[in-house]
Amino acid sequence: MNEPLMIGGMALVTFLIRYPVLALVGKIDMPKRIFDALRFVAPSVLAAIVIPMVLLPNDKPIQRPADAIPLVATLLSALVMWRSKNLLATVLVGIAAFLILRAALPLFGPVFGR
């Protein structure tokens, strides 16, 4: 099948599914409790995606130092976000921590029994 046609079809289906709901939200007065609850949808979805990847790499508990690299980078990112409240700094620290730890792990192989 032609890829642009398939992408366009997926975009159209996604639009047609979501547009009626978005159009109604603008015309119906929603209770404040619903809007307050909707604020937590994005962080909840992000946590549901990230936490299993960090705590269960390769669908198994952390067993080797290399498996702990995403967890350490995530914890450093969380610390930066907590202290600075700066999204760009958080992302940059997380990426840098991950890359530095992954590059440095072979240097410490004898220490970790590799």
N, C-alpha and C. Protein backbone atom coordinates (compact mmCIF):
# COMPACT_ATOMS: atom_id res chain seq x y z
N MET A 1 0.85 -1.19 0.00
CA MET A 1 0.00 0.00 0.00
C MET A 1 0.89 1.25 0.00
N ASN A 2 0.39 2.30 -0.53
CA ASN A 2 1.12 3.55 -0.61
C ASN A 2 1.20 4.19 0.78
N GLU A 3 2.42 4.45 1.28
CA GLU A 3 2.60 4.96 2.64
C GLU A 3 1.92 6.30 2.88
N PRO A 4 2.06 7.29 1.98
CA PRO A 4 1.38 8.56 2.24
C PRO A 4 -0.15 8.41 2.34
N LEU A 5 -0.71 7.52 1.53
CA LEU A 5 -2.15 7.27 1.59
C LEU A 5 -2.52 6.64 2.95
N MET A 6 -1.71 5.72 3.40
CA MET A 6 -1.96 5.07 4.68
C MET A 6 -1.84 6.07 5.84
N ILE A 7 -0.81 6.91 5.82
CA ILE A 7 -0.63 7.92 6.86
C ILE A 7 -1.79 8.91 6.84
N GLY A 8 -2.19 9.34 5.65
CA GLY A 8 -3.33 10.25 5.53
C GLY A 8 -4.61 9.62 6.05
N GLY A 9 -4.82 8.34 5.75
CA GLY A 9 -6.00 7.64 6.26
C GLY A 9 -6.00 7.54 7.78
N MET A 10 -4.84 7.23 8.36
CA MET A 10 -4.75 7.15 9.82
C MET A 10 -5.02 8.51 10.45
N ALA A 11 -4.48 9.58 9.83
CA ALA A 11 -4.72 10.93 10.35
C ALA A 11 -6.20 11.28 10.27
N LEU A 12 -6.84 10.92 9.17
CA LEU A 12 -8.27 11.21 9.01
C LEU A 12 -9.11 10.46 10.05
N VAL A 13 -8.81 9.18 10.26
CA VAL A 13 -9.55 8.40 11.25
C VAL A 13 -9.34 8.99 12.65
N THR A 14 -8.10 9.33 12.97
CA THR A 14 -7.82 9.92 14.28
C THR A 14 -8.58 11.23 14.45
N PHE A 15 -8.59 12.06 13.42
CA PHE A 15 -9.30 13.33 13.49
C PHE A 15 -10.80 13.11 13.67
N LEU A 16 -11.38 12.20 12.90
CA LEU A 16 -12.82 11.97 12.97
C LEU A 16 -13.25 11.38 14.32
N ILE A 17 -12.37 10.64 14.95
CA ILE A 17 -12.70 10.08 16.26
C ILE A 17 -12.65 11.17 17.34
N ARG A 18 -11.68 12.06 17.24
CA ARG A 18 -11.46 13.02 18.31
C ARG A 18 -12.21 14.34 18.14
N TYR A 19 -12.48 14.75 16.92
CA TYR A 19 -13.08 16.07 16.71
C TYR A 19 -14.45 16.24 17.36
N PRO A 20 -15.36 15.28 17.26
CA PRO A 20 -16.67 15.49 17.89
C PRO A 20 -16.56 15.76 19.40
N VAL A 21 -15.69 15.06 20.06
CA VAL A 21 -15.52 15.28 21.50
C VAL A 21 -14.99 16.68 21.76
N LEU A 22 -13.98 17.10 21.00
CA LEU A 22 -13.42 18.44 21.19
C LEU A 22 -14.44 19.52 20.86
N ALA A 23 -15.27 19.29 19.85
CA ALA A 23 -16.30 20.27 19.50
C ALA A 23 -17.34 20.39 20.61
N LEU A 24 -17.71 19.27 21.22
CA LEU A 24 -18.70 19.29 22.29
C LEU A 24 -18.16 19.94 23.56
N VAL A 25 -16.88 19.74 23.86
CA VAL A 25 -16.30 20.30 25.08
C VAL A 25 -16.40 21.82 25.06
N GLY A 26 -16.29 22.42 23.87
CA GLY A 26 -16.38 23.87 23.78
C GLY A 26 -17.80 24.39 23.98
N LYS A 27 -18.80 23.55 23.78
CA LYS A 27 -20.20 23.99 23.86
C LYS A 27 -20.90 23.57 25.14
N ILE A 28 -20.37 22.59 25.83
CA ILE A 28 -21.00 22.08 27.06
C ILE A 28 -20.19 22.55 28.26
N ASP A 29 -20.88 23.04 29.27
CA ASP A 29 -20.19 23.41 30.50
C ASP A 29 -19.87 22.15 31.28
N MET A 30 -18.58 21.90 31.42
CA MET A 30 -18.13 20.71 32.14
C MET A 30 -17.87 21.08 33.60
N PRO A 31 -18.13 20.18 34.52
CA PRO A 31 -17.84 20.46 35.92
C PRO A 31 -16.33 20.66 36.15
N LYS A 32 -16.03 21.50 37.11
CA LYS A 32 -14.62 21.79 37.42
C LYS A 32 -13.87 20.53 37.82
N ARG A 33 -14.53 19.59 38.47
CA ARG A 33 -13.87 18.35 38.89
C ARG A 33 -13.35 17.56 37.70
N ILE A 34 -14.07 17.59 36.58
CA ILE A 34 -13.62 16.87 35.39
C ILE A 34 -12.36 17.52 34.83
N PHE A 35 -12.36 18.86 34.74
CA PHE A 35 -11.17 19.54 34.25
C PHE A 35 -9.99 19.32 35.18
N ASP A 36 -10.24 19.31 36.48
CA ASP A 36 -9.17 19.04 37.44
C ASP A 36 -8.62 17.63 37.25
N ALA A 37 -9.50 16.66 37.00
CA ALA A 37 -9.06 15.28 36.79
C ALA A 37 -8.29 15.15 35.48
N LEU A 38 -8.70 15.87 34.44
CA LEU A 38 -8.03 15.78 33.15
C LEU A 38 -6.60 16.31 33.20
N ARG A 39 -6.29 17.16 34.15
CA ARG A 39 -4.92 17.66 34.30
C ARG A 39 -3.94 16.53 34.60
N PHE A 40 -4.43 15.44 35.17
CA PHE A 40 -3.55 14.34 35.56
C PHE A 40 -3.44 13.24 34.52
N VAL A 41 -4.11 13.38 33.40
CA VAL A 41 -4.07 12.33 32.38
C VAL A 41 -2.68 12.23 31.76
N ALA A 42 -2.10 13.33 31.32
CA ALA A 42 -0.79 13.28 30.67
C ALA A 42 0.30 12.74 31.60
N PRO A 43 0.42 13.23 32.85
CA PRO A 43 1.44 12.64 33.72
C PRO A 43 1.19 11.15 34.00
N SER A 44 -0.06 10.76 34.09
CA SER A 44 -0.37 9.34 34.34
C SER A 44 0.04 8.47 33.16
N VAL A 45 -0.25 8.92 31.96
CA VAL A 45 0.13 8.16 30.77
C VAL A 45 1.64 8.09 30.65
N LEU A 46 2.33 9.21 30.89
CA LEU A 46 3.79 9.22 30.84
C LEU A 46 4.38 8.26 31.86
N ALA A 47 3.85 8.26 33.08
CA ALA A 47 4.34 7.34 34.11
C ALA A 47 4.08 5.89 33.71
N ALA A 48 2.92 5.62 33.12
CA ALA A 48 2.60 4.25 32.70
C ALA A 48 3.53 3.76 31.60
N ILE A 49 4.05 4.67 30.80
CA ILE A 49 4.99 4.29 29.74
C ILE A 49 6.41 4.14 30.29
N VAL A 50 6.84 5.08 31.11
CA VAL A 50 8.24 5.14 31.54
C VAL A 50 8.57 4.15 32.65
N ILE A 51 7.73 4.03 33.66
CA ILE A 51 8.07 3.22 34.84
C ILE A 51 8.36 1.76 34.49
N PRO A 52 7.54 1.08 33.70
CA PRO A 52 7.91 -0.31 33.36
C PRO A 52 9.23 -0.41 32.60
N MET A 53 9.51 0.56 31.72
CA MET A 53 10.76 0.53 30.97
C MET A 53 11.96 0.72 31.88
N VAL A 54 11.80 1.51 32.93
CA VAL A 54 12.91 1.82 33.82
C VAL A 54 13.11 0.71 34.86
N LEU A 55 12.02 0.21 35.42
CA LEU A 55 12.14 -0.78 36.49
C LEU A 55 12.24 -2.21 35.99
N LEU A 56 11.75 -2.48 34.80
CA LEU A 56 11.79 -3.84 34.25
C LEU A 56 12.39 -3.85 32.85
N PRO A 57 13.67 -3.51 32.73
CA PRO A 57 14.28 -3.55 31.39
C PRO A 57 14.30 -4.99 30.89
N ASN A 58 14.02 -5.18 29.64
CA ASN A 58 13.97 -6.52 29.02
C ASN A 58 12.93 -7.41 29.70
N ASP A 59 11.90 -6.81 30.28
CA ASP A 59 10.82 -7.53 30.96
C ASP A 59 11.29 -8.38 32.13
N LYS A 60 12.43 -8.01 32.72
CA LYS A 60 12.95 -8.70 33.90
C LYS A 60 13.41 -7.66 34.90
N PRO A 61 13.43 -8.00 36.19
CA PRO A 61 13.96 -7.05 37.16
C PRO A 61 15.43 -6.73 36.88
N ILE A 62 15.88 -5.61 37.40
CA ILE A 62 17.28 -5.18 37.19
C ILE A 62 18.20 -6.23 37.81
N GLN A 63 19.11 -6.77 36.98
CA GLN A 63 20.03 -7.80 37.45
C GLN A 63 21.48 -7.43 37.23
N ARG A 64 21.75 -6.58 36.25
CA ARG A 64 23.13 -6.19 35.94
C ARG A 64 23.26 -4.68 36.04
N PRO A 65 24.47 -4.19 36.24
CA PRO A 65 24.66 -2.73 36.29
C PRO A 65 24.16 -2.02 35.02
N ALA A 66 24.31 -2.66 33.88
CA ALA A 66 23.85 -2.03 32.63
C ALA A 66 22.34 -1.84 32.63
N ASP A 67 21.62 -2.73 33.32
CA ASP A 67 20.16 -2.60 33.39
C ASP A 67 19.73 -1.41 34.24
N ALA A 68 20.61 -0.96 35.14
CA ALA A 68 20.26 0.13 36.06
C ALA A 68 20.51 1.51 35.46
N ILE A 69 21.13 1.59 34.30
CA ILE A 69 21.44 2.89 33.70
C ILE A 69 20.17 3.73 33.47
N PRO A 70 19.11 3.21 32.87
CA PRO A 70 17.91 4.04 32.72
C PRO A 70 17.31 4.49 34.05
N LEU A 71 17.37 3.64 35.06
CA LEU A 71 16.86 4.01 36.38
C LEU A 71 17.65 5.16 36.98
N VAL A 72 18.97 5.09 36.91
CA VAL A 72 19.81 6.16 37.46
C VAL A 72 19.58 7.46 36.70
N ALA A 73 19.51 7.39 35.37
CA ALA A 73 19.27 8.59 34.57
C ALA A 73 17.89 9.18 34.89
N THR A 74 16.90 8.33 35.09
CA THR A 74 15.56 8.80 35.44
C THR A 74 15.55 9.48 36.80
N LEU A 75 16.24 8.89 37.76
CA LEU A 75 16.30 9.50 39.10
C LEU A 75 17.03 10.85 39.08
N LEU A 76 18.11 10.94 38.30
CA LEU A 76 18.79 12.23 38.16
C LEU A 76 17.88 13.26 37.50
N SER A 77 17.14 12.84 36.49
CA SER A 77 16.20 13.75 35.82
C SER A 77 15.11 14.22 36.78
N ALA A 78 14.61 13.29 37.59
CA ALA A 78 13.57 13.66 38.56
C ALA A 78 14.11 14.65 39.58
N LEU A 79 15.34 14.46 40.00
CA LEU A 79 15.96 15.40 40.94
C LEU A 79 16.10 16.79 40.32
N VAL A 80 16.53 16.83 39.07
CA VAL A 80 16.67 18.12 38.39
C VAL A 80 15.31 18.79 38.23
N MET A 81 14.29 18.03 37.86
CA MET A 81 12.96 18.61 37.70
C MET A 81 12.43 19.13 39.03
N TRP A 82 12.64 18.37 40.09
CA TRP A 82 12.17 18.77 41.41
C TRP A 82 12.84 20.07 41.86
N ARG A 83 14.14 20.19 41.62
CA ARG A 83 14.87 21.36 42.10
C ARG A 83 14.72 22.57 41.18
N SER A 84 14.73 22.35 39.86
CA SER A 84 14.77 23.49 38.94
C SER A 84 13.42 23.84 38.32
N LYS A 85 12.50 22.88 38.23
CA LYS A 85 11.22 23.06 37.55
C LYS A 85 11.40 23.50 36.09
N ASN A 86 12.52 23.08 35.49
CA ASN A 86 12.87 23.47 34.13
C ASN A 86 12.85 22.22 33.25
N LEU A 87 11.91 22.15 32.32
CA LEU A 87 11.74 20.97 31.48
C LEU A 87 12.96 20.73 30.59
N LEU A 88 13.50 21.78 29.98
CA LEU A 88 14.66 21.62 29.09
C LEU A 88 15.86 21.08 29.86
N ALA A 89 16.12 21.63 31.04
CA ALA A 89 17.24 21.14 31.86
C ALA A 89 17.02 19.69 32.25
N THR A 90 15.80 19.33 32.55
CA THR A 90 15.49 17.95 32.94
C THR A 90 15.78 16.99 31.79
N VAL A 91 15.31 17.33 30.60
CA VAL A 91 15.52 16.46 29.44
C VAL A 91 17.01 16.35 29.12
N LEU A 92 17.71 17.48 29.13
CA LEU A 92 19.14 17.45 28.82
C LEU A 92 19.93 16.65 29.84
N VAL A 93 19.63 16.81 31.11
CA VAL A 93 20.33 16.04 32.15
C VAL A 93 20.02 14.55 31.99
N GLY A 94 18.78 14.20 31.72
CA GLY A 94 18.43 12.80 31.55
C GLY A 94 19.17 12.16 30.38
N ILE A 95 19.19 12.84 29.25
CA ILE A 95 19.88 12.31 28.07
C ILE A 95 21.38 12.22 28.33
N ALA A 96 21.95 13.29 28.89
CA ALA A 96 23.39 13.29 29.17
C ALA A 96 23.76 12.21 30.17
N ALA A 97 22.98 12.06 31.22
CA ALA A 97 23.27 11.03 32.23
C ALA A 97 23.21 9.64 31.60
N PHE A 98 22.20 9.39 30.80
CA PHE A 98 22.08 8.09 30.15
C PHE A 98 23.29 7.81 29.26
N LEU A 99 23.64 8.77 28.41
CA LEU A 99 24.75 8.55 27.48
C LEU A 99 26.08 8.42 28.21
N ILE A 100 26.31 9.25 29.22
CA ILE A 100 27.58 9.19 29.97
C ILE A 100 27.68 7.86 30.73
N LEU A 101 26.61 7.46 31.40
CA LEU A 101 26.65 6.19 32.13
C LEU A 101 26.84 5.00 31.20
N ARG A 102 26.18 5.03 30.06
CA ARG A 102 26.33 3.93 29.11
C ARG A 102 27.75 3.88 28.54
N ALA A 103 28.34 5.06 28.30
CA ALA A 103 29.71 5.09 27.78
C ALA A 103 30.72 4.71 28.85
N ALA A 104 30.43 5.05 30.10
CA ALA A 104 31.40 4.80 31.18
C ALA A 104 31.32 3.39 31.73
N LEU A 105 30.23 2.68 31.51
CA LEU A 105 30.08 1.34 32.09
C LEU A 105 31.21 0.39 31.71
N PRO A 106 31.66 0.34 30.45
CA PRO A 106 32.77 -0.57 30.13
C PRO A 106 34.06 -0.24 30.90
N LEU A 107 34.23 1.00 31.28
CA LEU A 107 35.43 1.37 32.04
C LEU A 107 35.42 0.76 33.43
N PHE A 108 34.22 0.50 33.97
CA PHE A 108 34.11 -0.05 35.30
C PHE A 108 33.72 -1.52 35.29
N GLY A 109 33.88 -2.18 34.15
CA GLY A 109 33.53 -3.59 34.03
C GLY A 109 34.14 -4.48 35.10
N PRO A 110 35.47 -4.35 35.38
CA PRO A 110 36.07 -5.22 36.41
C PRO A 110 35.47 -4.96 37.79
N VAL A 111 35.08 -3.73 38.07
CA VAL A 111 34.51 -3.40 39.38
C VAL A 111 33.18 -4.12 39.56
N PHE A 112 32.40 -4.20 38.49
CA PHE A 112 31.07 -4.80 38.58
C PHE A 112 31.09 -6.30 38.25
N GLY A 113 32.25 -6.86 38.08
CA GLY A 113 32.34 -8.29 37.83
C GLY A 113 31.99 -8.70 36.42
N ARG A 114 32.19 -7.82 35.47
CA ARG A 114 31.88 -8.15 34.08
C ARG A 114 33.09 -8.73 33.41
